[in-house]
């Protein structure tokens, strides 16, 4: 049994499969999920688990090269946006309109859905290399 870090076997497997330049999503409860995507649905009750808790756990185990967010997050959820930036640290941040964010996220390797209800609580992560 693992003694720390992420314990969810599906998330552990997804993170282990990601290589340099692969992408994944962490999304809110209302994000439209593709019918054929690799989705790990963590929703339990509204707000459990929270988006930031999941992002923090993933960021501790994954090399993040860059992230993308919907540009609407700055105005609609500015506190959440600032917390995202704190968690991911000094990486490139791409902001684009929500419809473009969704279009560009169709080919990600995996999606983790949280129970977050905060508007635009979605991030696409570009994986980096540990070498």
Protein backbone atom coordinates (compact mmCIF):
# COMPACT_ATOMS: atom_id res chain seq x y z
CA UNK A 1 0.00 0.00 0.00
CA UNK A 2 1.23 3.50 -0.82
CA UNK A 3 1.87 5.51 2.31
CA UNK A 4 1.41 8.96 0.81
CA UNK A 5 0.71 11.07 -2.21
CA UNK A 6 -2.22 10.28 -4.45
CA UNK A 7 -3.92 7.05 -3.40
CA UNK A 8 -6.60 6.83 -6.11
CA UNK A 9 -5.46 3.98 -8.39
CA UNK A 10 -6.99 5.46 -11.55
CA UNK A 11 -5.23 8.80 -11.04
CA UNK A 12 -1.94 7.07 -10.20
CA UNK A 13 -2.23 5.08 -13.43
CA UNK A 14 -3.03 8.16 -15.52
CA UNK A 15 -0.10 10.13 -14.11
CA UNK A 16 2.27 7.21 -14.70
CA UNK A 17 1.17 7.01 -18.34
CA UNK A 18 1.81 10.70 -19.08
CA UNK A 19 4.99 11.55 -20.92
CA UNK A 20 6.70 14.77 -21.92
CA UNK A 21 4.30 16.99 -23.90
CA UNK A 22 1.21 14.89 -23.08
CA UNK A 23 -1.78 16.84 -21.82
CA UNK A 24 -4.43 16.22 -19.20
CA UNK A 25 -7.39 18.16 -17.82
CA UNK A 26 -8.67 18.82 -14.33
CA UNK A 27 -12.21 20.17 -14.64
CA UNK A 28 -15.22 21.33 -12.67
CA UNK A 29 -18.49 19.44 -12.21
CA UNK A 30 -20.20 21.10 -15.17
CA UNK A 31 -17.49 20.63 -17.79
CA UNK A 32 -18.85 18.81 -20.88
CA UNK A 33 -17.07 15.49 -21.06
CA UNK A 34 -16.23 13.83 -24.37
CA UNK A 35 -18.07 10.53 -24.85
CA UNK A 36 -14.88 8.63 -25.69
CA UNK A 37 -12.41 10.32 -23.32
CA UNK A 38 -10.49 8.73 -20.46
CA UNK A 39 -12.45 10.31 -17.58
CA UNK A 40 -11.82 9.83 -13.88
CA UNK A 41 -14.94 11.16 -12.18
CA UNK A 42 -14.33 12.10 -8.56
CA UNK A 43 -17.64 13.90 -7.95
CA UNK A 44 -19.21 12.97 -4.63
CA UNK A 45 -21.29 15.92 -3.45
CA UNK A 46 -21.15 19.58 -4.52
CA UNK A 47 -17.66 20.82 -3.66
CA UNK A 48 -16.24 17.44 -2.65
CA UNK A 49 -13.59 17.09 -3.87
CA UNK A 50 -12.59 20.66 -4.58
CA UNK A 51 -10.77 21.57 -7.77
CA UNK A 52 -7.82 23.17 -5.94
CA UNK A 53 -7.28 20.11 -3.75
CA UNK A 54 -7.07 17.87 -6.81
CA UNK A 55 -4.80 20.30 -8.68
CA UNK A 56 -2.51 20.58 -5.65
CA UNK A 57 -2.21 16.79 -5.34
CA UNK A 58 -1.50 16.36 -9.05
CA UNK A 59 1.02 19.21 -9.09
CA UNK A 60 3.00 17.54 -6.31
CA UNK A 61 3.47 14.40 -8.40
CA UNK A 62 3.69 15.69 -11.97
CA UNK A 63 6.23 17.83 -13.81
CA UNK A 64 4.17 20.70 -15.23
CA UNK A 65 5.65 22.57 -18.17
CA UNK A 66 2.68 24.84 -18.89
CA UNK A 67 -1.03 25.25 -18.28
CA UNK A 68 -3.99 26.61 -20.20
CA UNK A 69 -7.10 28.19 -18.71
CA UNK A 70 -10.15 29.93 -20.08
CA UNK A 71 -9.54 33.68 -20.17
CA UNK A 72 -12.96 34.21 -18.53
CA UNK A 73 -11.55 32.90 -15.25
CA UNK A 74 -9.77 36.22 -14.56
CA UNK A 75 -13.07 38.09 -14.29
CA UNK A 76 -15.45 35.36 -13.17
CA UNK A 77 -13.24 33.61 -10.58
CA UNK A 78 -10.19 35.80 -9.87
CA UNK A 79 -9.38 34.23 -6.47
CA UNK A 80 -9.40 30.76 -7.99
CA UNK A 81 -7.14 31.96 -10.81
CA UNK A 82 -4.61 33.34 -8.34
CA UNK A 83 -4.63 30.07 -6.37
CA UNK A 84 -4.03 28.09 -9.57
CA UNK A 85 -0.99 30.25 -10.31
CA UNK A 86 0.38 29.69 -6.79
CA UNK A 87 -0.03 25.93 -7.05
CA UNK A 88 1.59 25.47 -10.48
CA UNK A 89 4.43 27.89 -9.80
CA UNK A 90 6.57 29.47 -12.47
CA UNK A 91 5.21 27.89 -15.65
CA UNK A 92 3.87 29.30 -18.90
CA UNK A 93 0.16 30.17 -18.66
CA UNK A 94 -1.93 30.28 -21.82
CA UNK A 95 -5.28 32.07 -21.55
CA UNK A 96 -7.82 31.60 -24.31
CA UNK A 97 -11.59 31.99 -24.69
CA UNK A 98 -13.55 29.13 -23.13
CA UNK A 99 -14.82 27.80 -26.46
CA UNK A 100 -11.23 27.60 -27.77
CA UNK A 101 -10.08 26.01 -24.50
CA UNK A 102 -12.69 23.28 -24.99
CA UNK A 103 -11.82 22.76 -28.66
CA UNK A 104 -8.10 22.46 -27.92
CA UNK A 105 -8.75 20.04 -25.05
CA UNK A 106 -10.37 17.30 -27.12
CA UNK A 107 -7.19 15.24 -27.53
CA UNK A 108 -5.97 15.16 -23.93
CA UNK A 109 -4.78 11.84 -22.54
CA UNK A 110 -7.00 11.97 -19.46
CA UNK A 111 -9.56 14.05 -17.60
CA UNK A 112 -10.12 14.28 -13.86
CA UNK A 113 -13.55 15.69 -13.02
CA UNK A 114 -13.96 17.34 -9.63
CA UNK A 115 -17.12 18.44 -7.83
CA UNK A 116 -16.16 22.12 -8.09
CA UNK A 117 -18.99 24.57 -8.81
CA UNK A 118 -16.80 27.69 -9.20
CA UNK A 119 -17.08 29.09 -12.75
CA UNK A 120 -14.25 28.19 -15.13
CA UNK A 121 -12.48 25.88 -12.67
CA UNK A 122 -10.74 24.03 -15.49
CA UNK A 123 -7.06 23.68 -16.33
CA UNK A 124 -5.23 21.88 -19.12
CA UNK A 125 -1.81 20.70 -18.03
CA UNK A 126 1.08 20.22 -20.41
CA UNK A 127 3.45 17.68 -18.90
CA UNK A 128 7.12 18.42 -18.70
CA UNK A 129 10.15 16.20 -18.36
CA UNK A 130 11.98 15.30 -15.18
CA UNK A 131 15.24 14.95 -17.14
